[in-house]
Amino acid sequence: MRRSLFGRIWPGATAVVLFLGFVFPVYWMFATAFKANKDIVGGHPRLVPHQPHHRALPAGPSRPTASGRSSPTR
């Protein structure tokens, strides 16, 4: 028996919507990691960082200091 057009399309369309619903937040998290603080807090949200901010990346492994704060190892 031949299925209707709706019956053939809805499983794929549902899969695409679910995929985007799960993947978009992960993409947004990584895109936000490369934005400057002023771009995160203010203005209009952008899907792609205008100018990736290299200082958002960690300097390297950190170790605790005497004051309890962690500092990057050299």
PDB file of N, CA and C in Angstrom:
ATOM      1  N   MET A   1       0.835  -1.163   0.000  1.00  0.00           N
ATOM      2  CA  MET A   1       0.000   0.000   0.000  1.00  0.00           C
ATOM      3  C   MET A   1       0.894   1.247   0.000  1.00  0.00           C
ATOM      4  N   ARG A   2       0.574   2.197  -0.790  1.00  0.00           N
ATOM      5  CA  ARG A   2       1.356   3.422  -0.918  1.00  0.00           C
ATOM      6  C   ARG A   2       0.941   4.423   0.158  1.00  0.00           C
ATOM      7  N   ARG A   3       1.948   4.990   0.852  1.00  0.00           N
ATOM      8  CA  ARG A   3       1.668   5.961   1.892  1.00  0.00           C
ATOM      9  C   ARG A   3       1.504   7.343   1.294  1.00  0.00           C
ATOM     10  N   SER A   4       0.776   8.196   1.982  1.00  0.00           N
ATOM     11  CA  SER A   4       0.570   9.565   1.508  1.00  0.00           C
ATOM     12  C   SER A   4       1.876  10.354   1.600  1.00  0.00           C
ATOM     13  N   LEU A   5       1.888  11.489   0.953  1.00  0.00           N
ATOM     14  CA  LEU A   5       3.063  12.355   0.974  1.00  0.00           C
ATOM     15  C   LEU A   5       3.390  12.759   2.412  1.00  0.00           C
ATOM     16  N   PHE A   6       2.378  13.101   3.189  1.00  0.00           N
ATOM     17  CA  PHE A   6       2.593  13.466   4.593  1.00  0.00           C
ATOM     18  C   PHE A   6       3.193  12.293   5.365  1.00  0.00           C
ATOM     19  N   GLY A   7       2.734  11.102   5.118  1.00  0.00           N
ATOM     20  CA  GLY A   7       3.229   9.924   5.802  1.00  0.00           C
ATOM     21  C   GLY A   7       4.670   9.604   5.474  1.00  0.00           C
ATOM     22  N   ARG A   8       5.121  10.026   4.300  1.00  0.00           N
ATOM     23  CA  ARG A   8       6.517   9.790   3.916  1.00  0.00           C
ATOM     24  C   ARG A   8       7.439  10.892   4.415  1.00  0.00           C
ATOM     25  N   ILE A   9       6.924  12.108   4.574  1.00  0.00           N
ATOM     26  CA  ILE A   9       7.771  13.252   4.923  1.00  0.00           C
ATOM     27  C   ILE A   9       7.914  13.458   6.424  1.00  0.00           C
ATOM     28  N   TRP A  10       6.863  13.235   7.206  1.00  0.00           N
ATOM     29  CA  TRP A  10       6.915  13.615   8.617  1.00  0.00           C
ATOM     30  C   TRP A  10       8.009  12.929   9.419  1.00  0.00           C
ATOM     31  N   PRO A  11       8.379  11.660   9.184  1.00  0.00           N
ATOM     32  CA  PRO A  11       9.479  11.106  10.001  1.00  0.00           C
ATOM     33  C   PRO A  11      10.809  11.828   9.765  1.00  0.00           C
ATOM     34  N   GLY A  12      11.110  12.142   8.515  1.00  0.00           N
ATOM     35  CA  GLY A  12      12.355  12.855   8.215  1.00  0.00           C
ATOM     36  C   GLY A  12      12.338  14.276   8.736  1.00  0.00           C
ATOM     37  N   ALA A  13      11.222  14.952   8.591  1.00  0.00           N
ATOM     38  CA  ALA A  13      11.107  16.327   9.082  1.00  0.00           C
ATOM     39  C   ALA A  13      11.226  16.363  10.602  1.00  0.00           C
ATOM     40  N   THR A  14      10.632  15.402  11.269  1.00  0.00           N
ATOM     41  CA  THR A  14      10.726  15.324  12.730  1.00  0.00           C
ATOM     42  C   THR A  14      12.170  15.077  13.147  1.00  0.00           C
ATOM     43  N   ALA A  15      12.865  14.216  12.434  1.00  0.00           N
ATOM     44  CA  ALA A  15      14.264  13.934  12.756  1.00  0.00           C
ATOM     45  C   ALA A  15      15.130  15.185  12.587  1.00  0.00           C
ATOM     46  N   VAL A  16      14.882  15.961  11.540  1.00  0.00           N
ATOM     47  CA  VAL A  16      15.660  17.180  11.308  1.00  0.00           C
ATOM     48  C   VAL A  16      15.408  18.193  12.418  1.00  0.00           C
ATOM     49  N   VAL A  17      14.159  18.371  12.807  1.00  0.00           N
ATOM     50  CA  VAL A  17      13.828  19.323  13.870  1.00  0.00           C
ATOM     51  C   VAL A  17      14.459  18.893  15.196  1.00  0.00           C
ATOM     52  N   LEU A  18      14.390  17.617  15.524  1.00  0.00           N
ATOM     53  CA  LEU A  18      15.005  17.128  16.757  1.00  0.00           C
ATOM     54  C   LEU A  18      16.528  17.280  16.720  1.00  0.00           C
ATOM     55  N   PHE A  19      17.133  16.972  15.576  1.00  0.00           N
ATOM     56  CA  PHE A  19      18.577  17.115  15.429  1.00  0.00           C
ATOM     57  C   PHE A  19      19.000  18.558  15.666  1.00  0.00           C
ATOM     58  N   LEU A  20      18.315  19.504  15.034  1.00  0.00           N
ATOM     59  CA  LEU A  20      18.655  20.913  15.215  1.00  0.00           C
ATOM     60  C   LEU A  20      18.412  21.361  16.651  1.00  0.00           C
ATOM     61  N   GLY A  21      17.368  20.836  17.268  1.00  0.00           N
ATOM     62  CA  GLY A  21      17.076  21.189  18.652  1.00  0.00           C
ATOM     63  C   GLY A  21      18.148  20.729  19.618  1.00  0.00           C
ATOM     64  N   PHE A  22      18.811  19.635  19.317  1.00  0.00           N
ATOM     65  CA  PHE A  22      19.873  19.135  20.189  1.00  0.00           C
ATOM     66  C   PHE A  22      21.245  19.716  19.824  1.00  0.00           C
ATOM     67  N   VAL A  23      21.497  19.977  18.568  1.00  0.00           N
ATOM     68  CA  VAL A  23      22.820  20.433  18.129  1.00  0.00           C
ATOM     69  C   VAL A  23      22.992  21.942  18.286  1.00  0.00           C
ATOM     70  N   PHE A  24      21.938  22.728  18.078  1.00  0.00           N
ATOM     71  CA  PHE A  24      22.068  24.184  18.134  1.00  0.00           C
ATOM     72  C   PHE A  24      22.589  24.679  19.481  1.00  0.00           C
ATOM     73  N   PRO A  25      22.102  24.191  20.625  1.00  0.00           N
ATOM     74  CA  PRO A  25      22.667  24.677  21.895  1.00  0.00           C
ATOM     75  C   PRO A  25      24.166  24.378  22.043  1.00  0.00           C
ATOM     76  N   VAL A  26      24.617  23.266  21.529  1.00  0.00           N
ATOM     77  CA  VAL A  26      26.047  22.943  21.597  1.00  0.00           C
ATOM     78  C   VAL A  26      26.829  23.908  20.714  1.00  0.00           C
ATOM     79  N   TYR A  27      26.312  24.180  19.519  1.00  0.00           N
ATOM     80  CA  TYR A  27      26.965  25.156  18.632  1.00  0.00           C
ATOM     81  C   TYR A  27      27.020  26.523  19.310  1.00  0.00           C
ATOM     82  N   TRP A  28      25.908  26.948  19.923  1.00  0.00           N
ATOM     83  CA  TRP A  28      25.834  28.263  20.567  1.00  0.00           C
ATOM     84  C   TRP A  28      26.859  28.359  21.703  1.00  0.00           C
ATOM     85  N   MET A  29      27.063  27.276  22.427  1.00  0.00           N
ATOM     86  CA  MET A  29      28.033  27.256  23.517  1.00  0.00           C
ATOM     87  C   MET A  29      29.446  27.480  22.978  1.00  0.00           C
ATOM     88  N   PHE A  30      29.800  26.782  21.907  1.00  0.00           N
ATOM     89  CA  PHE A  30      31.141  26.957  21.335  1.00  0.00           C
ATOM     90  C   PHE A  30      31.310  28.323  20.688  1.00  0.00           C
ATOM     91  N   ALA A  31      30.273  28.818  20.011  1.00  0.00           N
ATOM     92  CA  ALA A  31      30.368  30.138  19.386  1.00  0.00           C
ATOM     93  C   ALA A  31      30.512  31.224  20.442  1.00  0.00           C
ATOM     94  N   THR A  32      29.835  31.086  21.568  1.00  0.00           N
ATOM     95  CA  THR A  32      29.910  32.071  22.644  1.00  0.00           C
ATOM     96  C   THR A  32      31.278  32.044  23.311  1.00  0.00           C
ATOM     97  N   ALA A  33      31.935  30.910  23.322  1.00  0.00           N
ATOM     98  CA  ALA A  33      33.252  30.805  23.952  1.00  0.00           C
ATOM     99  C   ALA A  33      34.285  31.680  23.249  1.00  0.00           C
ATOM    100  N   PHE A  34      34.073  32.006  21.982  1.00  0.00           N
ATOM    101  CA  PHE A  34      35.037  32.795  21.220  1.00  0.00           C
ATOM    102  C   PHE A  34      34.602  34.240  21.048  1.00  0.00           C
ATOM    103  N   LYS A  35      33.607  34.685  21.809  1.00  0.00           N
ATOM    104  CA  LYS A  35      33.146  36.065  21.741  1.00  0.00           C
ATOM    105  C   LYS A  35      33.719  36.848  22.910  1.00  0.00           C
ATOM    106  N   ALA A  36      33.912  38.142  22.696  1.00  0.00           N
ATOM    107  CA  ALA A  36      34.323  39.024  23.787  1.00  0.00           C
ATOM    108  C   ALA A  36      33.131  39.231  24.715  1.00  0.00           C
ATOM    109  N   ASN A  37      33.405  39.595  25.966  1.00  0.00           N
ATOM    110  CA  ASN A  37      32.335  39.769  26.943  1.00  0.00           C
ATOM    111  C   ASN A  37      31.301  40.789  26.484  1.00  0.00           C
ATOM    112  N   LYS A  38      31.746  41.891  25.878  1.00  0.00           N
ATOM    113  CA  LYS A  38      30.795  42.917  25.437  1.00  0.00           C
ATOM    114  C   LYS A  38      29.874  42.381  24.346  1.00  0.00           C
ATOM    115  N   ASP A  39      30.337  41.454  23.544  1.00  0.00           N
ATOM    116  CA  ASP A  39      29.496  40.872  22.505  1.00  0.00           C
ATOM    117  C   ASP A  39      28.496  39.875  23.083  1.00  0.00           C
ATOM    118  N   ILE A  40      28.851  39.241  24.188  1.00  0.00           N
ATOM    119  CA  ILE A  40      27.958  38.271  24.809  1.00  0.00           C
ATOM    120  C   ILE A  40      26.811  38.984  25.512  1.00  0.00           C
ATOM    121  N   VAL A  41      27.137  40.034  26.268  1.00  0.00           N
ATOM    122  CA  VAL A  41      26.156  40.695  27.126  1.00  0.00           C
ATOM    123  C   VAL A  41      25.280  41.677  26.363  1.00  0.00           C
ATOM    124  N   GLY A  42      25.846  42.487  25.504  1.00  0.00           N
ATOM    125  CA  GLY A  42      25.077  43.552  24.876  1.00  0.00           C
ATOM    126  C   GLY A  42      24.913  43.363  23.383  1.00  0.00           C
ATOM    127  N   GLY A  43      24.041  44.160  22.843  1.00  0.00           N
ATOM    128  CA  GLY A  43      23.845  44.163  21.400  1.00  0.00           C
ATOM    129  C   GLY A  43      22.957  43.048  20.911  1.00  0.00           C
ATOM    130  N   HIS A  44      22.957  42.880  19.620  1.00  0.00           N
ATOM    131  CA  HIS A  44      22.140  41.859  18.989  1.00  0.00           C
ATOM    132  C   HIS A  44      22.912  40.540  18.924  1.00  0.00           C
ATOM    133  N   PRO A  45      22.264  39.430  19.212  1.00  0.00           N
ATOM    134  CA  PRO A  45      22.972  38.146  19.155  1.00  0.00           C
ATOM    135  C   PRO A  45      23.364  37.797  17.721  1.00  0.00           C
ATOM    136  N   ARG A  46      24.533  37.249  17.559  1.00  0.00           N
ATOM    137  CA  ARG A  46      25.021  36.802  16.251  1.00  0.00           C
ATOM    138  C   ARG A  46      25.275  35.311  16.313  1.00  0.00           C
ATOM    139  N   LEU A  47      25.005  34.621  15.222  1.00  0.00           N
ATOM    140  CA  LEU A  47      25.229  33.181  15.169  1.00  0.00           C
ATOM    141  C   LEU A  47      26.701  32.846  15.009  1.00  0.00           C
ATOM    142  N   VAL A  48      27.462  33.758  14.384  1.00  0.00           N
ATOM    143  CA  VAL A  48      28.889  33.546  14.154  1.00  0.00           C
ATOM    144  C   VAL A  48      29.639  34.713  14.780  1.00  0.00           C
ATOM    145  N   PRO A  49      30.679  34.456  15.572  1.00  0.00           N
ATOM    146  CA  PRO A  49      31.441  35.560  16.165  1.00  0.00           C
ATOM    147  C   PRO A  49      32.022  36.458  15.077  1.00  0.00           C
ATOM    148  N   HIS A  50      31.871  37.768  15.253  1.00  0.00           N
ATOM    149  CA  HIS A  50      32.377  38.714  14.255  1.00  0.00           C
ATOM    150  C   HIS A  50      33.897  38.691  14.205  1.00  0.00           C
ATOM    151  N   GLN A  51      34.514  38.813  15.358  1.00  0.00           N
ATOM    152  CA  GLN A  51      35.963  38.699  15.470  1.00  0.00           C
ATOM    153  C   GLN A  51      36.244  37.758  16.636  1.00  0.00           C
ATOM    154  N   PRO A  52      36.677  36.534  16.349  1.00  0.00           N
ATOM    155  CA  PRO A  52      36.947  35.592  17.443  1.00  0.00           C
ATOM    156  C   PRO A  52      37.936  36.187  18.442  1.00  0.00           C
ATOM    157  N   HIS A  53      37.686  35.992  19.698  1.00  0.00           N
ATOM    158  CA  HIS A  53      38.462  36.595  20.767  1.00  0.00           C
ATOM    159  C   HIS A  53      39.426  35.554  21.323  1.00  0.00           C
ATOM    160  N   HIS A  54      40.709  35.693  21.026  1.00  0.00           N
ATOM    161  CA  HIS A  54      41.688  34.680  21.432  1.00  0.00           C
ATOM    162  C   HIS A  54      41.904  34.637  22.938  1.00  0.00           C
ATOM    163  N   ARG A  55      41.614  35.732  23.646  1.00  0.00           N
ATOM    164  CA  ARG A  55      41.806  35.723  25.095  1.00  0.00           C
ATOM    165  C   ARG A  55      40.730  34.905  25.810  1.00  0.00           C
ATOM    166  N   ALA A  56      39.716  34.470  25.091  1.00  0.00           N
ATOM    167  CA  ALA A  56      38.690  33.630  25.698  1.00  0.00           C
ATOM    168  C   ALA A  56      39.206  32.204  25.894  1.00  0.00           C
ATOM    169  N   LEU A  57      40.282  31.858  25.209  1.00  0.00           N
ATOM    170  CA  LEU A  57      40.852  30.524  25.341  1.00  0.00           C
ATOM    171  C   LEU A  57      41.743  30.447  26.572  1.00  0.00           C
ATOM    172  N   PRO A  58      41.799  29.307  27.220  1.00  0.00           N
ATOM    173  CA  PRO A  58      42.671  29.195  28.389  1.00  0.00           C
ATOM    174  C   PRO A  58      44.134  29.277  27.986  1.00  0.00           C
ATOM    175  N   ALA A  59      44.959  29.793  28.896  1.00  0.00           N
ATOM    176  CA  ALA A  59      46.384  29.951  28.624  1.00  0.00           C
ATOM    177  C   ALA A  59      47.128  28.631  28.714  1.00  0.00           C
ATOM    178  N   GLY A  60      46.540  27.660  29.319  1.00  0.00           N
ATOM    179  CA  GLY A  60      47.184  26.374  29.488  1.00  0.00           C
ATOM    180  C   GLY A  60      46.735  25.760  30.791  1.00  0.00           C
ATOM    181  N   PRO A  61      47.366  24.662  31.195  1.00  0.00           N
ATOM    182  CA  PRO A  61      46.991  24.052  32.468  1.00  0.00           C
ATOM    183  C   PRO A  61      47.284  25.008  33.624  1.00  0.00           C
ATOM    184  N   SER A  62      46.432  25.001  34.623  1.00  0.00           N
ATOM    185  CA  SER A  62      46.646  25.903  35.749  1.00  0.00           C
ATOM    186  C   SER A  62      46.971  25.102  37.001  1.00  0.00           C
ATOM    187  N   ARG A  63      47.653  25.765  37.915  1.00  0.00           N
ATOM    188  CA  ARG A  63      48.010  25.128  39.181  1.00  0.00           C
ATOM    189  C   ARG A  63      47.640  26.085  40.301  1.00  0.00           C
ATOM    190  N   PRO A  64      47.210  25.572  41.433  1.00  0.00           N
ATOM    191  CA  PRO A  64      46.852  26.463  42.542  1.00  0.00           C
ATOM    192  C   PRO A  64      48.075  27.153  43.117  1.00  0.00           C
ATOM    193  N   THR A  65      47.886  28.387  43.564  1.00  0.00           N
ATOM    194  CA  THR A  65      48.974  29.140  44.193  1.00  0.00           C
ATOM    195  C   THR A  65      48.725  29.191  45.688  1.00  0.00           C
ATOM    196  N   ALA A  66      49.608  29.854  46.412  1.00  0.00           N
ATOM    197  CA  ALA A  66      49.477  29.951  47.873  1.00  0.00           C
ATOM    198  C   ALA A  66      48.193  30.676  48.266  1.00  0.00           C
ATOM    199  N   SER A  67      47.728  31.611  47.438  1.00  0.00           N
ATOM    200  CA  SER A  67      46.527  32.355  47.771  1.00  0.00           C
ATOM    201  C   SER A  67      45.256  31.551  47.475  1.00  0.00           C
ATOM    202  N   GLY A  68      45.401  30.391  46.866  1.00  0.00           N
ATOM    203  CA  GLY A  68      44.230  29.563  46.549  1.00  0.00           C
ATOM    204  C   GLY A  68      43.705  29.784  45.140  1.00  0.00           C
ATOM    205  N   ARG A  69      44.189  30.833  44.490  1.00  0.00           N
ATOM    206  CA  ARG A  69      43.788  31.079  43.109  1.00  0.00           C
ATOM    207  C   ARG A  69      44.650  30.230  42.188  1.00  0.00           C
ATOM    208  N   SER A  70      44.121  29.926  41.028  1.00  0.00           N
ATOM    209  CA  SER A  70      44.926  29.137  40.093  1.00  0.00           C
ATOM    210  C   SER A  70      45.561  30.084  39.081  1.00  0.00           C
ATOM    211  N   SER A  71      46.777  29.774  38.720  1.00  0.00           N
ATOM    212  CA  SER A  71      47.488  30.570  37.722  1.00  0.00           C
ATOM    213  C   SER A  71      48.020  29.629  36.654  1.00  0.00           C
ATOM    214  N   PRO A  72      48.160  30.142  35.417  1.00  0.00           N
ATOM    215  CA  PRO A  72      48.679  29.263  34.356  1.00  0.00           C
ATOM    216  C   PRO A  72      50.125  28.871  34.620  1.00  0.00           C
ATOM    217  N   THR A  73      50.465  27.658  34.242  1.00  0.00           N
ATOM    218  CA  THR A  73      51.852  27.207  34.384  1.00  0.00           C
ATOM    219  C   THR A  73      52.677  27.796  33.265  1.00  0.00           C
ATOM    220  N   ARG A  74      53.938  27.940  33.498  1.00  0.00           N
ATOM    221  CA  ARG A  74      54.810  28.518  32.457  1.00  0.00           C
ATOM    222  C   ARG A  74      55.767  27.462  31.964  1.00  0.00           C
TER     223      ARG A  74
END
